[in-house]
Protein backbone atom coordinates (compact mmCIF):
# COMPACT_ATOMS: atom_id res chain seq x y z
CA MET A 1 19.33 55.66 66.35
CA THR A 2 16.44 57.35 68.14
CA LYS A 3 17.70 56.09 71.51
CA ALA A 4 21.20 57.44 70.76
CA ILE A 5 19.74 60.87 69.95
CA LEU A 6 17.70 60.82 73.15
CA ILE A 7 20.81 59.94 75.19
CA ILE A 8 22.70 62.84 73.57
CA ILE A 9 19.80 65.16 74.45
CA ALA A 10 19.84 63.76 77.99
CA ILE A 11 23.58 64.47 78.32
CA LEU A 12 22.96 68.06 77.18
CA LEU A 13 20.19 68.39 79.76
CA PHE A 14 22.48 66.96 82.44
CA SER A 15 25.07 69.57 81.44
CA PHE A 16 22.37 72.25 81.76
CA ILE A 17 21.68 71.13 85.33
CA ILE A 18 25.40 71.44 86.11
CA PHE A 19 25.41 74.86 84.42
CA ILE A 20 22.59 76.02 86.71
CA HIS A 21 24.56 74.80 89.75
CA GLU A 22 27.79 76.52 88.74
CA PHE A 23 25.90 79.64 87.65
CA GLY A 24 24.59 79.90 91.23
CA HIS A 25 28.19 80.07 92.49
CA PHE A 26 29.16 82.43 89.67
CA PHE A 27 26.20 84.80 90.14
CA MET A 28 26.67 85.05 93.91
CA ALA A 29 30.45 85.45 93.54
CA LYS A 30 29.99 88.38 91.17
CA LEU A 31 27.30 89.84 93.44
CA SER A 32 29.67 89.51 96.42
CA GLY A 33 32.55 91.19 94.61
CA VAL A 34 34.65 88.03 94.21
CA ARG A 35 36.99 87.79 91.21
CA VAL A 36 36.07 84.78 89.04
CA ASN A 37 39.01 83.53 86.95
CA GLU A 38 37.19 80.78 85.03
CA PHE A 39 33.65 79.53 84.61
CA ALA A 40 33.65 76.02 83.10
CA ILE A 41 31.05 73.45 82.13
CA GLY A 42 32.43 69.90 82.05
CA MET A 43 35.80 68.54 83.11
CA GLY A 44 39.00 67.62 81.27
CA PRO A 45 40.50 69.28 78.19
CA ARG A 46 38.99 72.48 76.83
CA LEU A 47 36.84 72.20 73.72
CA PHE A 48 36.04 75.89 73.46
CA HIS A 49 36.68 79.03 75.49
CA PHE A 50 36.57 82.81 75.35
CA THR A 51 37.47 85.62 77.74
CA LYS A 52 35.16 88.44 78.70
CA GLY A 53 36.31 90.96 81.25
CA GLU A 54 38.27 89.20 83.98
CA THR A 55 36.68 85.76 83.46
CA ASP A 56 37.54 82.95 81.06
CA TYR A 57 34.46 80.96 79.98
CA SER A 58 35.09 77.38 78.82
CA LEU A 59 33.37 74.20 77.64
CA ARG A 60 35.29 71.02 78.52
CA ALA A 61 35.29 67.52 77.10
CA PHE A 62 33.61 65.41 79.79
CA PRO A 63 30.05 66.35 80.92
CA ILE A 64 30.55 65.02 84.45
CA GLY A 65 30.85 68.28 86.34
CA GLY A 66 31.95 71.87 86.06
CA PHE A 67 33.50 74.57 88.18
CA CYS A 68 33.60 78.26 89.01
CA ALA A 69 37.27 79.03 89.74
CA MET A 70 37.53 82.04 92.04
CA GLU A 71 40.66 83.98 92.98
CA GLY A 72 41.83 82.93 96.46
CA GLU A 73 39.48 79.96 96.59
CA ASP A 74 42.09 77.33 97.42
CA GLU A 75 44.98 79.47 98.65
CA ASP A 76 45.59 82.92 100.09
CA SER A 77 45.65 85.76 97.57
CA PRO A 78 46.58 89.42 98.18
CA ASP A 79 43.84 90.52 95.78
CA ASP A 80 41.21 92.57 97.64
CA ARG A 81 38.52 90.83 95.59
CA ALA A 82 39.82 87.32 96.32
CA PHE A 83 37.43 84.78 97.81
CA ASN A 84 39.61 84.42 100.92
CA ASN A 85 39.38 88.17 101.60
CA ARG A 86 35.59 88.38 101.51
CA PRO A 87 33.56 88.33 104.77
CA VAL A 88 32.77 84.79 105.91
CA TRP A 89 29.00 85.25 105.49
CA LYS A 90 29.48 86.25 101.83
CA ARG A 91 31.67 83.20 101.24
CA MET A 92 28.94 81.02 102.77
CA LEU A 93 26.38 82.47 100.35
CA VAL A 94 28.67 81.82 97.40
CA VAL A 95 29.20 78.21 98.49
CA VAL A 96 25.53 77.32 99.09
CA MET A 97 24.06 79.16 96.09
CA GLY A 98 24.87 76.32 93.68
CA ALA A 99 22.70 73.88 95.63
CA VAL A 100 20.01 76.54 96.11
CA MET A 101 19.83 77.09 92.34
CA ASN A 102 19.44 73.33 91.78
CA VAL A 103 16.51 73.16 94.20
CA ILE A 104 14.94 76.29 92.66
CA LEU A 105 15.25 74.67 89.21
CA GLY A 106 13.58 71.56 90.63
CA LEU A 107 10.76 73.72 92.01
CA VAL A 108 10.22 75.43 88.64
CA ILE A 109 10.18 72.08 86.78
CA MET A 110 7.75 70.66 89.32
CA MET A 111 5.45 73.63 88.82
CA VAL A 112 5.56 73.16 85.03
CA LEU A 113 4.61 69.49 85.43
CA LEU A 114 1.85 70.10 87.97
CA CYS A 115 0.18 72.94 86.08
CA GLN A 116 -0.73 70.41 83.35
CA GLN A 117 -2.79 68.31 85.77
CA PRO A 118 -6.55 68.94 86.08
CA ALA A 119 -6.40 68.39 89.86
CA PHE A 120 -3.98 67.22 92.56
CA SER A 121 -4.00 64.17 94.80
CA SER A 122 -4.43 64.44 98.56
CA THR A 123 -3.61 61.95 101.32
CA THR A 124 -7.24 61.55 102.40
CA ILE A 125 -8.95 58.22 101.64
CA SER A 126 -12.03 58.67 99.44
CA LYS A 127 -12.97 55.02 98.85
CA PHE A 128 -11.65 51.45 98.87
CA THR A 129 -11.51 48.77 96.23
CA ASP A 130 -13.29 45.45 96.72
CA HIS A 131 -11.61 43.18 99.28
CA SER A 132 -9.36 46.03 100.45
CA ALA A 133 -6.70 44.99 102.96
CA LEU A 134 -6.64 48.51 104.42
CA GLN A 135 -10.40 48.53 104.97
CA SER A 136 -10.23 45.09 106.56
CA ALA A 137 -7.49 46.38 108.89
CA GLY A 138 -9.85 49.10 110.18
CA LEU A 139 -9.09 52.17 108.07
CA GLN A 140 -12.08 54.27 107.00
CA VAL A 141 -13.09 56.77 104.31
CA GLY A 142 -11.92 60.22 105.45
CA ASP A 143 -8.79 58.94 107.21
CA VAL A 144 -5.70 61.06 106.43
CA PHE A 145 -2.35 59.27 106.12
CA LYS A 146 0.27 60.64 108.54
CA SER A 147 3.08 58.07 108.41
CA ILE A 148 3.98 54.67 106.97
CA ASN A 149 6.59 52.58 108.79
CA GLY A 150 7.73 55.76 110.53
CA TYR A 151 8.17 57.72 107.27
CA LYS A 152 6.22 60.97 107.69
CA VAL A 153 3.59 61.60 105.01
CA ASN A 154 2.97 65.26 104.12
CA GLY A 155 1.68 64.78 100.59
CA ASP A 156 0.77 62.20 97.99
CA ARG A 157 4.41 61.97 96.77
CA ASP A 158 5.48 60.98 100.29
CA LEU A 159 2.61 58.49 100.38
CA SER A 160 3.62 56.88 97.06
CA PHE A 161 7.30 56.67 98.06
CA ALA A 162 6.55 55.23 101.50
CA LEU A 163 4.24 52.57 100.06
CA ALA A 164 6.82 51.69 97.40
CA MET A 165 9.42 51.10 100.14
CA ALA A 166 7.01 49.22 102.42
CA ASP A 167 7.00 45.47 103.05
CA PRO A 168 3.60 44.31 101.71
CA MET A 169 3.57 41.52 104.31
CA LYS A 170 4.04 43.80 107.30
CA THR A 171 3.33 47.54 107.22
CA ASP A 172 2.61 50.01 110.04
CA ILE A 173 0.29 52.89 109.15
CA GLN A 174 -0.68 55.96 111.17
CA VAL A 175 -3.70 58.05 110.17
CA SER A 176 -5.60 61.04 111.48
CA ARG A 177 -9.31 60.54 112.14
CA GLY A 178 -11.46 63.24 113.68
CA GLY A 179 -8.40 65.03 115.07
CA LYS A 180 -7.00 61.87 116.69
CA LEU A 181 -3.99 59.84 115.62
CA LEU A 182 -4.64 56.12 115.12
CA THR A 183 -1.99 53.46 114.46
CA PHE A 184 -2.55 50.20 112.61
CA ASP A 185 0.33 47.75 112.95
CA ASP A 186 1.45 44.80 110.82
CA ILE A 187 -1.03 45.32 107.97
CA LYS A 188 -0.73 42.66 105.27
CA PHE A 189 -1.45 44.19 101.86
CA ASN A 190 -2.73 42.45 98.79
CA THR A 191 0.13 41.89 96.33
CA LYS A 192 0.71 41.66 92.59
CA GLU A 193 3.53 40.37 90.39
CA SER A 194 5.98 42.80 88.78
CA ASP A 195 9.18 41.61 87.06
CA GLY A 196 9.02 38.36 88.99
CA LYS A 197 8.63 40.09 92.35
CA LYS A 198 5.65 40.51 94.63
CA ILE A 199 4.86 44.17 95.21
CA LEU A 200 2.21 45.98 97.19
CA ALA A 201 -1.13 46.43 95.39
CA LEU A 202 -2.91 49.70 96.16
CA ASP A 203 -6.48 49.09 97.27
CA PHE A 204 -7.75 52.60 97.97
CA TYR A 205 -8.33 55.98 96.30
CA VAL A 206 -7.63 59.46 97.63
CA GLN A 207 -9.65 62.67 97.41
CA PRO A 208 -8.69 65.22 94.74
CA ILE A 209 -7.50 68.75 95.50
CA GLU A 210 -8.87 71.56 93.30
CA LYS A 211 -6.21 73.22 91.14
CA ASN A 212 -5.85 76.98 91.48
CA PRO A 213 -2.82 79.34 91.72
CA GLY A 214 -2.62 78.88 95.49
CA THR A 215 -2.79 75.08 95.52
CA LEU A 216 -0.35 74.95 92.57
CA ILE A 217 2.29 76.87 94.53
CA VAL A 218 1.70 74.88 97.73
CA LYS A 219 1.77 71.55 95.87
CA SER A 220 4.94 72.49 93.94
CA VAL A 221 6.79 73.37 97.14
CA GLN A 222 5.42 70.28 98.90
CA ASP A 223 6.49 67.91 96.11
CA THR A 224 9.94 69.51 95.83
CA VAL A 225 10.49 69.13 99.59
CA SER A 226 9.24 65.56 99.29
CA THR A 227 11.85 64.88 96.59
CA VAL A 228 14.59 66.31 98.85
CA ARG A 229 13.46 63.97 101.63
CA MET A 230 13.51 60.99 99.26
CA VAL A 231 17.09 61.85 98.26
CA TRP A 232 18.20 61.98 101.90
CA TYR A 233 16.39 58.72 102.64
CA SER A 234 18.15 57.09 99.68
CA LEU A 235 21.56 58.38 100.83
CA VAL A 236 20.97 56.94 104.29
CA GLY A 237 19.89 53.69 102.63
CA LEU A 238 23.19 53.52 100.74
CA VAL A 239 25.18 54.03 103.95
CA THR A 240 23.16 51.47 105.92
CA GLY A 241 23.13 48.89 103.12
CA LYS A 242 19.42 49.13 102.34
CA PHE A 243 20.39 50.01 98.75
CA GLY A 244 23.32 48.54 96.82
CA PHE A 245 26.03 49.96 94.56
CA ASN A 246 23.98 49.17 91.45
CA ASP A 247 21.26 51.52 92.72
CA VAL A 248 23.69 54.42 92.18
CA ALA A 249 23.86 56.08 88.76
CA GLY A 250 26.34 58.56 87.33
CA PRO A 251 26.00 60.86 84.29
CA VAL A 252 25.89 57.95 81.81
CA GLY A 253 23.31 56.07 83.86
CA ALA A 254 21.27 59.24 84.35
CA ALA A 255 21.42 60.00 80.63
CA ASN A 256 20.30 56.45 79.81
CA ALA A 257 17.45 56.68 82.34
CA ILE A 258 16.31 59.97 80.80
CA GLY A 259 16.53 58.39 77.35
CA GLN A 260 14.43 55.43 78.49
CA ALA A 261 11.87 57.75 80.08
CA ALA A 262 11.65 59.71 76.83
CA SER A 263 11.29 56.51 74.76
CA ILE A 264 8.40 55.35 76.95
CA GLY A 265 6.78 58.75 76.63
CA LEU A 266 7.15 58.74 72.85
CA GLN A 267 5.01 55.60 72.75
CA GLN A 268 2.18 57.93 73.81
CA ASN A 269 3.05 61.36 72.37
CA PHE A 270 5.75 64.04 72.34
CA VAL A 271 4.33 65.89 75.36
CA ALA A 272 4.44 62.70 77.44
CA ALA A 273 8.09 62.15 76.43
CA LEU A 274 8.94 65.74 77.33
CA ASN A 275 7.19 65.43 80.70
CA ASN A 276 9.09 62.23 81.49
CA ILE A 277 12.37 63.98 80.71
CA LEU A 278 11.37 66.94 82.88
CA MET A 279 10.51 64.63 85.77
CA MET A 280 13.91 62.93 85.54
CA MET A 281 15.59 66.34 85.37
CA MET A 282 13.71 67.46 88.47
CA VAL A 283 14.91 64.44 90.44
CA ILE A 284 18.51 64.80 89.20
CA THR A 285 18.78 68.54 89.89
CA VAL A 286 17.41 68.14 93.42
CA ASN A 287 19.78 65.18 93.89
CA LEU A 288 22.74 67.31 92.83
CA GLY A 289 21.73 70.11 95.18
CA VAL A 290 21.26 67.86 98.19
CA VAL A 291 24.37 65.72 97.66
CA ASN A 292 26.57 68.80 97.18
CA LEU A 293 25.63 70.04 100.64
CA LEU A 294 26.93 66.89 102.33
CA PRO A 295 29.84 67.83 104.65
CA LEU A 296 32.41 65.92 102.59
CA PRO A 297 35.75 67.13 101.15
CA ALA A 298 35.61 68.57 97.61
CA LEU A 299 31.83 69.09 97.90
CA ASP A 300 30.17 72.42 98.67
CA GLY A 301 29.08 71.04 102.04
CA GLY A 302 32.70 70.33 102.98
CA ARG A 303 33.73 73.89 102.17
CA LEU A 304 30.68 75.20 104.05
CA LEU A 305 31.76 73.19 107.10
CA PHE A 306 35.17 74.89 107.08
CA LEU A 307 33.45 78.30 106.86
CA ILE A 308 31.12 77.47 109.75
CA VAL A 309 34.16 76.53 111.87
CA GLU A 310 35.79 79.83 110.88
CA ALA A 311 32.65 81.78 111.80
CA ILE A 312 32.44 80.10 115.21
CA PHE A 313 36.11 80.47 116.18
CA ARG A 314 36.60 83.76 114.26
CA LYS A 315 39.77 82.37 112.72
CA PRO A 316 40.15 80.76 109.29
CA ILE A 317 41.58 77.27 108.98
CA ASN A 318 45.03 77.26 107.39
CA PRO A 319 44.33 77.32 103.60
CA LYS A 320 47.19 74.87 103.08
CA TYR A 321 45.48 72.21 105.20
CA GLU A 322 42.07 72.96 103.71
CA GLY A 323 43.62 72.66 100.24
CA TRP A 324 45.11 69.28 101.09
CA VAL A 325 41.76 67.99 102.35
CA ASN A 326 39.88 69.30 99.31
CA THR A 327 42.49 67.94 96.88
CA ALA A 328 42.34 64.49 98.50
CA GLY A 329 38.55 64.63 98.49
CA PHE A 330 38.51 65.73 94.85
CA CYS A 331 40.76 62.82 93.83
CA LEU A 332 38.53 60.37 95.70
CA LEU A 333 35.42 61.94 94.16
CA MET A 334 36.85 61.70 90.64
CA GLY A 335 37.87 58.08 91.30
CA LEU A 336 34.33 57.32 92.47
CA MET A 337 32.87 59.04 89.39
CA VAL A 338 35.11 56.92 87.13
CA ILE A 339 33.95 53.71 88.87
CA ILE A 340 30.28 54.75 88.76
CA THR A 341 30.57 55.74 85.08
CA PHE A 342 32.26 52.42 84.27
CA ASN A 343 29.46 50.65 86.15
CA ASP A 344 26.87 52.62 84.15
CA ILE A 345 28.50 51.61 80.85
CA LEU A 346 28.81 47.98 82.00
CA ARG A 347 25.10 47.89 82.83
CA LEU A 348 24.26 49.35 79.40
CA ILE A 349 26.35 46.73 77.59
CA THR A 350 25.78 43.60 79.70
CA GLY A 351 22.68 44.43 81.74
CA LYS A 352 24.66 43.80 84.94
CA GLY A 353 26.76 46.12 87.07
CA LEU A 354 29.84 45.59 89.22
CA GLY A 355 27.74 44.65 92.24
CA SER A 356 25.68 41.99 90.42
């Protein structure tokens, strides 16, 4: 029962993330003088709606998306306040503001999480454990991590992610020592067992960073940027085959993950559960922002690409053709969402997904 309640809460939080995204479009559209016909959270049949001014506000049945329907968005409109009649730079702002709002939300959540910590972690080695593989390889106290297997390290979140992705049997590390860059190739880490797999065992500690208003802001921005980089790395991994289909989660999978994170946190206390939920929300909202800027049909990035072409050639692409591309892309996107959602449900019921 508790898990079901947590999943419902997670779905509501997921809907809030979508609301923030669509509100970014809505806010910038209103600011740019664009007529908004409908502002909706969710997809499918309407559950509730009301009209205020020129805009119809609605809540729809399926919490897998949302939209901000603007006049002249998909076809030419004679209305002076139609999207198609606004200057191209204003249309660009309207299109990107959804993703910007998601990243801003991620930044705010990150700041809330970090302000609870007594200090922050750096990327500077402070000491080693006994029998440290890194120390044996030649690293020293005071070395600053710069990259691991080519993945650039700007902060401790980058460091943790890079080490998690590294092969414990063969890892290349670059550090800064006394202003010089040093590279240590093919380091073999100590390992430990986790769920039947051998994973890298950390054998060093890093220096703390004092918490103050300045370091809080810097660390919040740094960790948010780090999360964006991790999302891009994961997307590239999906394309190249590094990650499989079962590594992808939709709204149901995300809700279940948030519910699990909350359950684990509740084993400690309510604040820990809340922080786990916030961390998942931060990752999801940044994910949504980044993925939506991909130059693919039906995504904000696809529409932005059309606008960039228009700005370069000073001539809009025929709305009919753009509409066809976006409609086809939307159908494919909805089909993919159905498959991913089915895969999420299958994993919940059987423990295995379609790609297992």
